[in-house]
Amino acid sequence: MPQMTLDISVNNVAEIIRSMNTQEIETLYLLLTEEGKELLERKKDLDLGRVRFLTRDEAFEINREFLLGISKHVKEGRA
């Protein structure tokens, strides 16, 4: 990953963070944590075509089948 070096004071960084809205702070948090690294890896997999997003229909079909399976187990007394 490309890297860049900046000469910026801690006060400037603090002021920038103070001026951020909630969404920008959450994005910054993700970029600075392990969770952010995982998200970048997932994006890379998507960009390289290793994976694809589920469509809305696929996601809801999977959820519907899951719920129907649970319902069946409950009716049979196996849940």
N, C-alpha and C. Protein backbone atom coordinates (compact mmCIF):
# COMPACT_ATOMS: atom_id res chain seq x y z
N MET A 1 0.85 -1.17 0.00
CA MET A 1 0.00 0.00 0.00
C MET A 1 0.90 1.24 0.00
N PRO A 2 0.57 2.24 -0.84
CA PRO A 2 1.39 3.45 -0.88
C PRO A 2 1.37 4.18 0.46
N GLN A 3 2.48 4.78 0.79
CA GLN A 3 2.57 5.53 2.04
C GLN A 3 3.03 6.94 1.74
N MET A 4 2.67 7.85 2.65
CA MET A 4 3.02 9.24 2.48
C MET A 4 3.41 9.80 3.84
N THR A 5 4.37 10.70 3.86
CA THR A 5 4.81 11.33 5.10
C THR A 5 4.40 12.79 5.07
N LEU A 6 3.81 13.25 6.16
CA LEU A 6 3.38 14.64 6.29
C LEU A 6 4.03 15.26 7.51
N ASP A 7 4.33 16.54 7.41
CA ASP A 7 4.83 17.28 8.56
C ASP A 7 3.68 18.14 9.05
N ILE A 8 2.97 17.63 10.08
CA ILE A 8 1.78 18.31 10.60
C ILE A 8 1.81 18.24 12.12
N SER A 9 1.41 19.31 12.75
CA SER A 9 1.47 19.35 14.22
C SER A 9 0.30 18.56 14.82
N VAL A 10 0.50 18.13 16.06
CA VAL A 10 -0.54 17.42 16.78
C VAL A 10 -1.76 18.31 16.95
N ASN A 11 -1.55 19.60 17.17
CA ASN A 11 -2.67 20.53 17.30
C ASN A 11 -3.50 20.58 16.02
N ASN A 12 -2.84 20.56 14.88
CA ASN A 12 -3.58 20.57 13.61
C ASN A 12 -4.39 19.29 13.45
N VAL A 13 -3.81 18.16 13.82
CA VAL A 13 -4.53 16.88 13.74
C VAL A 13 -5.74 16.91 14.66
N ALA A 14 -5.55 17.42 15.88
CA ALA A 14 -6.65 17.50 16.85
C ALA A 14 -7.76 18.40 16.31
N GLU A 15 -7.41 19.51 15.71
CA GLU A 15 -8.42 20.43 15.16
C GLU A 15 -9.19 19.78 14.01
N ILE A 16 -8.49 19.05 13.17
CA ILE A 16 -9.15 18.35 12.06
C ILE A 16 -10.14 17.33 12.60
N ILE A 17 -9.73 16.57 13.60
CA ILE A 17 -10.61 15.54 14.19
C ILE A 17 -11.81 16.21 14.87
N ARG A 18 -11.57 17.30 15.58
CA ARG A 18 -12.68 18.00 16.24
C ARG A 18 -13.71 18.52 15.23
N SER A 19 -13.28 18.84 14.03
CA SER A 19 -14.20 19.40 13.03
C SER A 19 -14.94 18.31 12.24
N MET A 20 -14.60 17.03 12.47
CA MET A 20 -15.24 15.93 11.75
C MET A 20 -16.64 15.66 12.28
N ASN A 21 -17.52 15.22 11.37
CA ASN A 21 -18.84 14.78 11.81
C ASN A 21 -18.75 13.31 12.24
N THR A 22 -19.84 12.77 12.74
CA THR A 22 -19.84 11.41 13.29
C THR A 22 -19.43 10.38 12.24
N GLN A 23 -19.95 10.50 11.04
CA GLN A 23 -19.62 9.52 9.99
C GLN A 23 -18.13 9.57 9.65
N GLU A 24 -17.56 10.76 9.58
CA GLU A 24 -16.13 10.89 9.28
C GLU A 24 -15.28 10.29 10.39
N ILE A 25 -15.69 10.48 11.64
CA ILE A 25 -14.95 9.90 12.77
C ILE A 25 -15.04 8.38 12.75
N GLU A 26 -16.22 7.84 12.43
CA GLU A 26 -16.36 6.39 12.33
C GLU A 26 -15.48 5.83 11.22
N THR A 27 -15.40 6.53 10.09
CA THR A 27 -14.54 6.10 8.98
C THR A 27 -13.08 6.13 9.41
N LEU A 28 -12.68 7.18 10.08
CA LEU A 28 -11.30 7.28 10.58
C LEU A 28 -10.99 6.13 11.53
N TYR A 29 -11.91 5.84 12.42
CA TYR A 29 -11.73 4.73 13.37
C TYR A 29 -11.50 3.42 12.61
N LEU A 30 -12.33 3.17 11.60
CA LEU A 30 -12.18 1.94 10.82
C LEU A 30 -10.82 1.86 10.15
N LEU A 31 -10.37 2.98 9.62
CA LEU A 31 -9.08 2.99 8.92
C LEU A 31 -7.91 2.76 9.86
N LEU A 32 -8.09 3.07 11.14
CA LEU A 32 -6.98 2.96 12.10
C LEU A 32 -7.01 1.69 12.93
N THR A 33 -7.96 0.79 12.66
CA THR A 33 -8.08 -0.43 13.47
C THR A 33 -7.95 -1.67 12.60
N GLU A 34 -7.87 -2.82 13.26
CA GLU A 34 -7.80 -4.10 12.56
C GLU A 34 -9.05 -4.33 11.71
N GLU A 35 -10.19 -3.86 12.21
CA GLU A 35 -11.43 -4.00 11.46
C GLU A 35 -11.31 -3.31 10.10
N GLY A 36 -10.64 -2.18 10.08
CA GLY A 36 -10.42 -1.45 8.84
C GLY A 36 -9.55 -2.24 7.88
N LYS A 37 -8.55 -2.92 8.41
CA LYS A 37 -7.69 -3.75 7.55
C LYS A 37 -8.49 -4.87 6.90
N GLU A 38 -9.39 -5.46 7.68
CA GLU A 38 -10.24 -6.53 7.15
C GLU A 38 -11.15 -5.99 6.04
N LEU A 39 -11.71 -4.80 6.26
CA LEU A 39 -12.57 -4.21 5.25
C LEU A 39 -11.81 -3.89 3.97
N LEU A 40 -10.57 -3.43 4.11
CA LEU A 40 -9.74 -3.17 2.93
C LEU A 40 -9.45 -4.46 2.17
N GLU A 41 -9.20 -5.54 2.90
CA GLU A 41 -8.97 -6.83 2.24
C GLU A 41 -10.21 -7.30 1.50
N ARG A 42 -11.38 -7.11 2.12
CA ARG A 42 -12.64 -7.49 1.46
C ARG A 42 -12.85 -6.67 0.19
N LYS A 43 -12.54 -5.37 0.26
CA LYS A 43 -12.68 -4.51 -0.92
C LYS A 43 -11.73 -4.96 -2.02
N LYS A 44 -10.52 -5.32 -1.63
CA LYS A 44 -9.53 -5.80 -2.60
C LYS A 44 -10.03 -7.07 -3.28
N ASP A 45 -10.58 -8.00 -2.49
CA ASP A 45 -11.15 -9.23 -3.06
C ASP A 45 -12.26 -8.91 -4.05
N LEU A 46 -13.08 -7.95 -3.71
CA LEU A 46 -14.18 -7.54 -4.59
C LEU A 46 -13.63 -6.92 -5.87
N ASP A 47 -12.67 -6.01 -5.74
CA ASP A 47 -12.08 -5.34 -6.90
C ASP A 47 -11.39 -6.32 -7.84
N LEU A 48 -10.78 -7.37 -7.27
CA LEU A 48 -10.07 -8.36 -8.08
C LEU A 48 -10.99 -9.46 -8.61
N GLY A 49 -12.27 -9.39 -8.25
CA GLY A 49 -13.23 -10.37 -8.75
C GLY A 49 -13.19 -11.71 -8.04
N ARG A 50 -12.54 -11.78 -6.90
CA ARG A 50 -12.49 -13.03 -6.15
C ARG A 50 -13.83 -13.34 -5.48
N VAL A 51 -14.58 -12.30 -5.16
CA VAL A 51 -15.90 -12.43 -4.55
C VAL A 51 -16.83 -11.43 -5.22
N ARG A 52 -18.11 -11.57 -4.93
CA ARG A 52 -19.08 -10.60 -5.42
C ARG A 52 -20.11 -10.34 -4.34
N PHE A 53 -20.72 -9.19 -4.40
CA PHE A 53 -21.79 -8.87 -3.47
C PHE A 53 -23.01 -9.71 -3.81
N LEU A 54 -23.78 -10.08 -2.80
CA LEU A 54 -25.07 -10.68 -3.04
C LEU A 54 -26.03 -9.59 -3.49
N THR A 55 -26.92 -9.94 -4.40
CA THR A 55 -27.96 -8.99 -4.76
C THR A 55 -28.97 -8.94 -3.62
N ARG A 56 -29.81 -7.93 -3.62
CA ARG A 56 -30.84 -7.81 -2.59
C ARG A 56 -31.73 -9.05 -2.60
N ASP A 57 -32.10 -9.51 -3.81
CA ASP A 57 -32.95 -10.69 -3.92
C ASP A 57 -32.27 -11.93 -3.35
N GLU A 58 -30.98 -12.11 -3.64
CA GLU A 58 -30.25 -13.26 -3.10
C GLU A 58 -30.19 -13.19 -1.58
N ALA A 59 -29.92 -12.03 -1.04
CA ALA A 59 -29.81 -11.89 0.41
C ALA A 59 -31.13 -12.20 1.09
N PHE A 60 -32.23 -11.69 0.54
CA PHE A 60 -33.51 -11.93 1.17
C PHE A 60 -33.99 -13.35 0.95
N GLU A 61 -33.62 -13.98 -0.16
CA GLU A 61 -33.99 -15.38 -0.39
C GLU A 61 -33.29 -16.27 0.63
N ILE A 62 -32.01 -16.02 0.87
CA ILE A 62 -31.27 -16.80 1.86
C ILE A 62 -31.92 -16.63 3.23
N ASN A 63 -32.27 -15.39 3.59
CA ASN A 63 -32.89 -15.12 4.88
C ASN A 63 -34.24 -15.82 4.98
N ARG A 64 -35.04 -15.79 3.92
CA ARG A 64 -36.35 -16.43 3.92
C ARG A 64 -36.20 -17.94 4.11
N GLU A 65 -35.26 -18.55 3.39
CA GLU A 65 -35.04 -20.00 3.52
C GLU A 65 -34.58 -20.34 4.94
N PHE A 66 -33.72 -19.52 5.52
CA PHE A 66 -33.24 -19.73 6.88
C PHE A 66 -34.40 -19.70 7.87
N LEU A 67 -35.25 -18.66 7.73
CA LEU A 67 -36.38 -18.53 8.65
C LEU A 67 -37.38 -19.66 8.47
N LEU A 68 -37.59 -20.11 7.24
CA LEU A 68 -38.50 -21.24 7.01
C LEU A 68 -37.94 -22.51 7.66
N GLY A 69 -36.63 -22.68 7.60
CA GLY A 69 -35.99 -23.84 8.23
C GLY A 69 -36.15 -23.81 9.73
N ILE A 70 -35.98 -22.64 10.33
CA ILE A 70 -36.16 -22.50 11.78
C ILE A 70 -37.60 -22.79 12.15
N SER A 71 -38.52 -22.23 11.38
CA SER A 71 -39.94 -22.45 11.65
C SER A 71 -40.29 -23.94 11.62
N LYS A 72 -39.73 -24.65 10.67
CA LYS A 72 -39.98 -26.08 10.54
C LYS A 72 -39.47 -26.81 11.78
N HIS A 73 -38.28 -26.46 12.26
CA HIS A 73 -37.70 -27.11 13.45
C HIS A 73 -38.54 -26.82 14.69
N VAL A 74 -39.04 -25.59 14.79
CA VAL A 74 -39.86 -25.23 15.95
C VAL A 74 -41.15 -26.04 15.94
N LYS A 75 -41.78 -26.16 14.79
CA LYS A 75 -43.02 -26.94 14.68
C LYS A 75 -42.81 -28.40 15.02
N GLU A 76 -41.60 -28.91 14.68
CA GLU A 76 -41.29 -30.32 14.96
C GLU A 76 -40.74 -30.51 16.37
N GLY A 77 -40.58 -29.41 17.10
CA GLY A 77 -40.07 -29.50 18.47
C GLY A 77 -38.59 -29.75 18.57
N ARG A 78 -37.81 -29.41 17.49
CA ARG A 78 -36.37 -29.64 17.49
C ARG A 78 -35.56 -28.38 17.76
N ALA A 79 -36.22 -27.27 18.02
CA ALA A 79 -35.48 -26.02 18.23
C ALA A 79 -35.22 -25.77 19.69
